[in-house]
């Protein structure tokens, strides 16, 4: 029976071959996984990341989806490379990096104790009779 007779290409045949994830679970909770040949890796990652129903998830979620049913060597590296190179994600997703805060700029004051900074640090581990807390007060 050819692939076309079943109504799909080799990718749909691979997906049909697998039972649902719940049916795959054995007593230990780990499911059987299909070993993916290198010629189909990009298609599997696309199904887990770039397909309209997959929602362009990040690296960790895409990897988790792929690891539910599939395995291939260097899986993490391939998923990371694919997601970082995804054109849709580069165009539409905001960067994950926080902007750096500017260094503190002191302000000139007219008189002493006009502005103070207070830090309370602790509790600190102590030996018998030593202090647990440190109070730091700085006059600007």
N, C-alpha and C. Protein backbone atom coordinates (compact mmCIF):
# COMPACT_ATOMS: atom_id res chain seq x y z
N UNK A 1 0.85 -1.17 0.00
CA UNK A 1 0.00 0.00 0.00
C UNK A 1 0.89 1.24 0.00
N UNK A 2 0.65 2.15 -0.90
CA UNK A 2 1.51 3.33 -0.99
C UNK A 2 1.05 4.41 -0.02
N UNK A 3 1.95 5.38 0.19
CA UNK A 3 1.62 6.51 1.07
C UNK A 3 0.44 7.30 0.52
N UNK A 4 0.40 7.46 -0.80
CA UNK A 4 -0.67 8.25 -1.41
C UNK A 4 -2.02 7.56 -1.26
N UNK A 5 -2.03 6.24 -1.21
CA UNK A 5 -3.29 5.52 -1.06
C UNK A 5 -3.91 5.79 0.30
N UNK A 6 -3.09 6.05 1.29
CA UNK A 6 -3.61 6.35 2.62
C UNK A 6 -3.97 7.82 2.77
N UNK A 7 -3.66 8.62 1.76
CA UNK A 7 -4.07 10.02 1.79
C UNK A 7 -3.05 10.95 2.41
N UNK A 8 -1.76 10.62 2.37
CA UNK A 8 -0.80 11.55 2.94
C UNK A 8 0.61 11.21 2.54
N UNK A 9 1.52 12.04 2.96
CA UNK A 9 2.93 11.79 2.69
C UNK A 9 3.54 10.98 3.83
N UNK A 10 4.86 10.82 3.83
CA UNK A 10 5.49 10.00 4.86
C UNK A 10 5.33 10.61 6.25
N UNK A 11 5.20 11.93 6.34
CA UNK A 11 5.03 12.59 7.64
C UNK A 11 3.70 12.18 8.28
N UNK A 12 2.61 12.21 7.52
CA UNK A 12 1.32 11.81 8.10
C UNK A 12 1.32 10.32 8.43
N UNK A 13 2.06 9.53 7.69
CA UNK A 13 2.13 8.11 7.99
C UNK A 13 2.84 7.89 9.33
N UNK A 14 3.88 8.65 9.59
CA UNK A 14 4.59 8.52 10.86
C UNK A 14 3.68 8.92 12.01
N UNK A 15 2.95 9.99 11.86
CA UNK A 15 2.05 10.44 12.92
C UNK A 15 0.96 9.42 13.17
N UNK A 16 0.40 8.81 12.12
CA UNK A 16 -0.64 7.80 12.29
C UNK A 16 -0.11 6.55 12.98
N UNK A 17 1.15 6.27 12.77
CA UNK A 17 1.75 5.07 13.33
C UNK A 17 1.75 5.08 14.85
N UNK A 18 1.80 6.26 15.47
CA UNK A 18 1.91 6.36 16.92
C UNK A 18 0.54 6.45 17.59
N UNK A 19 0.35 5.71 18.66
CA UNK A 19 -0.87 5.90 19.46
C UNK A 19 -0.76 7.23 20.21
N UNK A 20 -1.84 7.62 20.86
CA UNK A 20 -1.79 8.87 21.63
C UNK A 20 -0.82 8.72 22.78
N UNK A 21 -0.39 9.85 23.31
CA UNK A 21 0.61 9.85 24.38
C UNK A 21 0.11 9.08 25.60
N UNK A 22 -1.16 9.21 25.95
CA UNK A 22 -1.70 8.51 27.12
C UNK A 22 -1.65 7.00 26.92
N UNK A 23 -1.88 6.53 25.71
CA UNK A 23 -1.83 5.10 25.44
C UNK A 23 -0.39 4.57 25.45
N UNK A 24 0.57 5.44 25.23
CA UNK A 24 1.97 5.02 25.18
C UNK A 24 2.57 4.82 26.56
N UNK A 25 2.02 5.44 27.57
CA UNK A 25 2.64 5.40 28.89
C UNK A 25 2.70 3.97 29.43
N UNK A 26 3.85 3.63 29.98
CA UNK A 26 3.94 2.34 30.63
C UNK A 26 3.92 2.56 32.14
N UNK A 27 4.17 1.54 32.92
CA UNK A 27 4.08 1.65 34.37
C UNK A 27 5.03 2.68 34.97
N UNK A 28 6.18 2.89 34.35
CA UNK A 28 7.15 3.85 34.90
C UNK A 28 6.78 5.28 34.56
N UNK A 29 5.82 5.50 33.68
CA UNK A 29 5.43 6.85 33.30
C UNK A 29 6.19 7.39 32.11
N UNK A 30 7.13 6.63 31.57
CA UNK A 30 7.89 7.09 30.40
C UNK A 30 7.30 6.43 29.16
N UNK A 31 6.97 7.21 28.16
CA UNK A 31 6.37 6.68 26.94
C UNK A 31 7.41 6.18 25.97
N UNK A 32 6.99 5.27 25.09
CA UNK A 32 7.87 4.82 24.02
C UNK A 32 8.00 5.97 23.04
N UNK A 33 9.17 6.10 22.43
CA UNK A 33 9.41 7.20 21.51
C UNK A 33 9.87 6.68 20.17
N UNK A 34 9.45 7.34 19.12
CA UNK A 34 9.88 6.97 17.78
C UNK A 34 11.23 7.60 17.49
N UNK A 35 12.15 6.81 16.94
CA UNK A 35 13.45 7.33 16.54
C UNK A 35 13.29 7.99 15.18
N UNK A 36 13.64 9.27 15.09
CA UNK A 36 13.42 10.05 13.87
C UNK A 36 14.70 10.08 13.04
N UNK A 37 14.61 9.72 11.75
CA UNK A 37 15.79 9.83 10.89
C UNK A 37 16.11 11.30 10.61
N UNK A 38 17.34 11.58 10.27
CA UNK A 38 17.78 12.96 10.08
C UNK A 38 17.01 13.67 8.96
N UNK A 39 16.49 12.93 8.01
CA UNK A 39 15.74 13.55 6.91
C UNK A 39 14.39 14.12 7.36
N UNK A 40 13.87 13.70 8.51
CA UNK A 40 12.56 14.17 8.97
C UNK A 40 12.63 15.09 10.19
N UNK A 41 13.82 15.40 10.68
CA UNK A 41 13.94 16.19 11.91
C UNK A 41 13.31 17.56 11.75
N UNK A 42 13.59 18.26 10.66
CA UNK A 42 13.03 19.61 10.48
C UNK A 42 11.50 19.57 10.42
N UNK A 43 10.92 18.54 9.83
CA UNK A 43 9.46 18.44 9.78
C UNK A 43 8.86 18.24 11.17
N UNK A 44 9.52 17.44 11.99
CA UNK A 44 9.03 17.20 13.35
C UNK A 44 9.13 18.48 14.18
N UNK A 45 10.27 19.18 14.08
CA UNK A 45 10.41 20.43 14.83
C UNK A 45 9.39 21.45 14.35
N UNK A 46 9.14 21.51 13.05
CA UNK A 46 8.12 22.42 12.53
C UNK A 46 6.75 22.09 13.13
N UNK A 47 6.43 20.80 13.21
CA UNK A 47 5.13 20.41 13.77
C UNK A 47 5.02 20.81 15.24
N UNK A 48 6.13 20.81 15.96
CA UNK A 48 6.11 21.15 17.39
C UNK A 48 6.28 22.64 17.64
N UNK A 49 6.76 23.40 16.66
CA UNK A 49 7.02 24.82 16.87
C UNK A 49 6.29 25.73 15.88
N UNK A 50 6.45 25.48 14.59
CA UNK A 50 5.99 26.43 13.59
C UNK A 50 4.64 26.15 12.98
N UNK A 51 4.03 25.03 13.28
CA UNK A 51 2.70 24.72 12.75
C UNK A 51 1.69 25.72 13.31
N UNK A 52 0.67 26.11 12.54
CA UNK A 52 -0.31 27.09 13.05
C UNK A 52 -0.96 26.69 14.37
N UNK A 53 -1.07 25.40 14.67
CA UNK A 53 -1.67 24.98 15.93
C UNK A 53 -0.67 24.88 17.08
N UNK A 54 0.63 25.05 16.78
CA UNK A 54 1.63 24.92 17.85
C UNK A 54 1.94 26.23 18.54
N UNK A 55 1.66 27.35 17.92
CA UNK A 55 1.76 28.64 18.58
C UNK A 55 3.14 29.23 18.73
N UNK A 56 4.13 28.75 18.01
CA UNK A 56 5.48 29.30 18.06
C UNK A 56 5.99 29.39 19.49
N UNK A 57 5.96 28.27 20.20
CA UNK A 57 6.44 28.23 21.59
C UNK A 57 7.95 28.42 21.61
N UNK A 58 8.48 28.69 22.77
CA UNK A 58 9.92 28.88 22.94
C UNK A 58 10.67 27.56 22.88
N UNK A 59 11.95 27.64 23.17
CA UNK A 59 12.83 26.47 23.07
C UNK A 59 12.39 25.36 24.01
N UNK A 60 12.15 25.68 25.28
CA UNK A 60 11.85 24.63 26.26
C UNK A 60 10.51 23.95 25.97
N UNK A 61 9.48 24.70 25.59
CA UNK A 61 8.18 24.09 25.30
C UNK A 61 8.22 23.29 24.00
N UNK A 62 8.93 23.79 23.00
CA UNK A 62 9.06 23.04 21.75
C UNK A 62 9.80 21.73 22.00
N UNK A 63 10.86 21.79 22.79
CA UNK A 63 11.61 20.58 23.12
C UNK A 63 10.75 19.60 23.90
N UNK A 64 9.97 20.08 24.85
CA UNK A 64 9.10 19.20 25.64
C UNK A 64 8.06 18.52 24.75
N UNK A 65 7.49 19.26 23.80
CA UNK A 65 6.52 18.66 22.87
C UNK A 65 7.17 17.57 22.04
N UNK A 66 8.35 17.85 21.52
CA UNK A 66 9.03 16.87 20.68
C UNK A 66 9.43 15.64 21.50
N UNK A 67 9.86 15.84 22.73
CA UNK A 67 10.32 14.73 23.56
C UNK A 67 9.18 13.82 24.03
N UNK A 68 7.94 14.26 23.92
CA UNK A 68 6.82 13.40 24.32
C UNK A 68 6.73 12.16 23.43
N UNK A 69 6.99 12.32 22.14
CA UNK A 69 6.81 11.20 21.22
C UNK A 69 8.06 10.80 20.45
N UNK A 70 9.04 11.69 20.36
CA UNK A 70 10.14 11.46 19.43
C UNK A 70 11.49 11.51 20.13
N UNK A 71 12.47 10.90 19.45
CA UNK A 71 13.86 10.99 19.90
C UNK A 71 14.76 10.97 18.69
N UNK A 72 15.83 11.75 18.74
CA UNK A 72 16.93 11.67 17.80
C UNK A 72 18.17 12.24 18.49
N UNK A 73 19.35 11.84 18.04
CA UNK A 73 20.57 12.37 18.66
C UNK A 73 20.67 13.88 18.48
N UNK A 74 21.22 14.57 19.46
CA UNK A 74 21.40 16.03 19.46
C UNK A 74 20.07 16.77 19.35
N UNK A 75 19.04 16.22 19.97
CA UNK A 75 17.69 16.79 19.91
C UNK A 75 17.66 18.23 20.45
N UNK A 76 18.25 18.45 21.62
CA UNK A 76 18.25 19.79 22.23
C UNK A 76 18.94 20.81 21.33
N UNK A 77 20.06 20.42 20.78
CA UNK A 77 20.82 21.33 19.91
C UNK A 77 20.01 21.68 18.66
N UNK A 78 19.37 20.70 18.05
CA UNK A 78 18.58 20.94 16.84
C UNK A 78 17.38 21.84 17.11
N UNK A 79 16.67 21.59 18.21
CA UNK A 79 15.50 22.41 18.55
C UNK A 79 15.94 23.84 18.86
N UNK A 80 17.00 23.99 19.64
CA UNK A 80 17.50 25.33 19.99
C UNK A 80 17.88 26.11 18.73
N UNK A 81 18.58 25.46 17.81
CA UNK A 81 19.00 26.11 16.56
C UNK A 81 17.80 26.50 15.71
N UNK A 82 16.81 25.62 15.62
CA UNK A 82 15.62 25.89 14.81
C UNK A 82 14.82 27.06 15.38
N UNK A 83 14.58 27.05 16.69
CA UNK A 83 13.76 28.09 17.31
C UNK A 83 14.47 29.44 17.27
N UNK A 84 15.77 29.45 17.52
CA UNK A 84 16.52 30.72 17.46
C UNK A 84 16.58 31.28 16.05
N UNK A 85 16.50 30.42 15.05
CA UNK A 85 16.53 30.86 13.67
C UNK A 85 15.16 31.06 13.05
N UNK A 86 14.10 30.89 13.83
CA UNK A 86 12.73 31.01 13.30
C UNK A 86 12.45 32.46 12.91
N UNK A 87 12.17 32.69 11.65
CA UNK A 87 11.94 34.04 11.14
C UNK A 87 10.71 34.69 11.79
N UNK A 88 9.64 33.92 11.97
CA UNK A 88 8.43 34.46 12.59
C UNK A 88 8.71 34.94 14.01
N UNK A 89 9.43 34.15 14.79
CA UNK A 89 9.75 34.53 16.17
C UNK A 89 10.65 35.76 16.20
N UNK A 90 11.61 35.85 15.30
CA UNK A 90 12.51 37.00 15.26
C UNK A 90 11.75 38.27 14.91
N UNK A 91 10.73 38.17 14.07
CA UNK A 91 9.99 39.35 13.65
C UNK A 91 8.94 39.79 14.66
N UNK A 92 8.28 38.85 15.32
CA UNK A 92 7.09 39.20 16.10
C UNK A 92 7.21 39.03 17.61
N UNK A 93 8.18 38.28 18.09
CA UNK A 93 8.28 38.08 19.54
C UNK A 93 9.23 39.10 20.15
N UNK A 94 8.89 39.61 21.33
CA UNK A 94 9.80 40.56 21.99
C UNK A 94 11.03 39.83 22.52
N UNK A 95 12.15 40.54 22.65
CA UNK A 95 13.34 39.88 23.20
C UNK A 95 13.13 39.53 24.67
N UNK A 96 13.80 38.47 25.12
CA UNK A 96 13.66 38.01 26.50
C UNK A 96 14.57 38.74 27.48
N UNK A 97 15.46 39.57 26.98
CA UNK A 97 16.43 40.22 27.85
C UNK A 97 15.83 41.47 28.49
N UNK A 98 16.08 41.63 29.79
CA UNK A 98 15.64 42.84 30.48
C UNK A 98 16.62 43.97 30.20
N UNK A 99 16.13 45.19 30.08
CA UNK A 99 17.07 46.30 29.92
C UNK A 99 17.85 46.52 31.22
N UNK A 100 19.09 46.88 31.09
CA UNK A 100 19.93 47.11 32.27
C UNK A 100 19.53 48.43 32.92
N UNK A 101 19.55 48.43 34.24
CA UNK A 101 19.27 49.65 34.98
C UNK A 101 20.49 50.57 34.92
N UNK A 102 20.23 51.85 34.85
CA UNK A 102 21.32 52.82 34.83
C UNK A 102 21.97 52.88 36.21
N UNK A 103 23.26 53.16 36.27
CA UNK A 103 23.90 53.28 37.58
C UNK A 103 23.29 54.43 38.38
N UNK A 104 23.33 54.28 39.70
CA UNK A 104 22.73 55.29 40.57
C UNK A 104 23.50 56.60 40.44
N UNK A 105 22.77 57.69 40.24
CA UNK A 105 23.35 59.02 40.15
C UNK A 105 23.00 59.78 41.42
N UNK A 106 24.01 60.17 42.17
CA UNK A 106 23.72 60.92 43.40
C UNK A 106 23.32 62.35 43.03
N UNK A 107 22.48 62.93 43.87
CA UNK A 107 22.00 64.28 43.64
C UNK A 107 22.59 65.20 44.69
N UNK A 108 22.87 66.43 44.31
CA UNK A 108 23.42 67.37 45.29
C UNK A 108 22.29 67.86 46.20
N UNK A 109 22.60 67.97 47.48
CA UNK A 109 21.61 68.37 48.48
C UNK A 109 22.02 69.70 49.11
N UNK A 110 21.04 70.43 49.64
CA UNK A 110 21.29 71.75 50.23
C UNK A 110 21.83 71.65 51.66
N UNK A 111 21.36 70.66 52.42
CA UNK A 111 21.81 70.57 53.81
C UNK A 111 21.99 69.10 54.20
N UNK A 112 22.78 68.82 55.26
CA UNK A 112 22.99 67.44 55.70
C UNK A 112 21.68 66.78 56.14
N UNK A 113 21.61 65.49 55.98
CA UNK A 113 20.47 64.66 56.36
C UNK A 113 19.18 65.00 55.61
N UNK A 114 19.31 65.72 54.50
CA UNK A 114 18.13 66.02 53.69
C UNK A 114 17.58 64.74 53.07
N UNK A 115 18.49 63.90 52.61
CA UNK A 115 18.11 62.61 52.03
C UNK A 115 19.06 61.56 52.58
N UNK A 116 18.50 60.46 53.05
CA UNK A 116 19.32 59.35 53.53
C UNK A 116 18.87 58.06 52.84
N UNK A 117 19.79 57.12 52.78
CA UNK A 117 19.48 55.78 52.27
C UNK A 117 19.67 54.81 53.42
N UNK A 118 18.73 53.88 53.58
CA UNK A 118 18.77 52.93 54.68
C UNK A 118 18.68 51.52 54.11
N UNK A 119 19.58 50.65 54.55
CA UNK A 119 19.54 49.23 54.21
C UNK A 119 19.59 48.42 55.49
N UNK A 120 18.72 47.43 55.59
CA UNK A 120 18.71 46.52 56.73
C UNK A 120 19.01 45.12 56.18
N UNK A 121 20.08 44.52 56.65
CA UNK A 121 20.49 43.21 56.15
C UNK A 121 20.44 42.20 57.28
N UNK A 122 19.89 41.05 57.03
CA UNK A 122 19.85 40.01 58.04
C UNK A 122 18.59 39.18 57.91
N UNK A 123 18.37 38.25 58.78
CA UNK A 123 19.25 37.84 59.87
C UNK A 123 20.46 37.09 59.34
N UNK A 124 21.58 37.32 59.96
CA UNK A 124 22.84 36.68 59.60
C UNK A 124 23.12 35.55 60.59
N UNK A 125 23.80 34.49 60.16
CA UNK A 125 24.18 33.45 61.12
C UNK A 125 25.19 34.04 62.12
N UNK A 126 25.01 33.71 63.38
CA UNK A 126 25.85 34.33 64.41
C UNK A 126 26.44 33.29 65.34
N UNK A 127 27.54 33.67 65.96
CA UNK A 127 28.08 32.92 67.09
C UNK A 127 27.44 33.51 68.35
N UNK A 128 27.60 32.87 69.46
CA UNK A 128 26.97 33.32 70.70
C UNK A 128 27.42 34.75 71.03
N UNK A 129 26.46 35.63 71.27
CA UNK A 129 26.75 37.00 71.68
C UNK A 129 26.99 37.97 70.53
N UNK A 130 26.94 37.53 69.29
CA UNK A 130 27.15 38.44 68.17
C UNK A 130 25.82 38.94 67.62
N UNK A 131 25.87 39.96 66.80
CA UNK A 131 24.68 40.60 66.25
C UNK A 131 24.16 39.82 65.03
N UNK A 132 22.83 39.85 64.86
CA UNK A 132 22.20 39.16 63.73
C UNK A 132 21.93 40.10 62.56
N UNK A 133 21.75 41.36 62.81
CA UNK A 133 21.30 42.31 61.81
C UNK A 133 22.35 43.38 61.58
N UNK A 134 22.40 43.92 60.36
CA UNK A 134 23.29 45.04 60.03
C UNK A 134 22.41 46.16 59.48
N UNK A 135 22.51 47.32 60.07
CA UNK A 135 21.77 48.51 59.63
C UNK A 135 22.78 49.48 59.03
N UNK A 136 22.56 49.84 57.77
CA UNK A 136 23.46 50.77 57.08
C UNK A 136 22.66 52.02 56.74
N UNK A 137 23.14 53.19 57.18
CA UNK A 137 22.49 54.47 56.89
C UNK A 137 23.53 55.36 56.22
N UNK A 138 23.18 55.89 55.05
CA UNK A 138 24.09 56.76 54.30
C UNK A 138 23.42 58.11 54.10
N UNK A 139 24.15 59.16 54.46
CA UNK A 139 23.69 60.53 54.22
C UNK A 139 24.15 60.94 52.83
N UNK A 140 23.23 61.37 52.03
CA UNK A 140 23.58 61.79 50.68
C UNK A 140 24.29 63.11 50.73
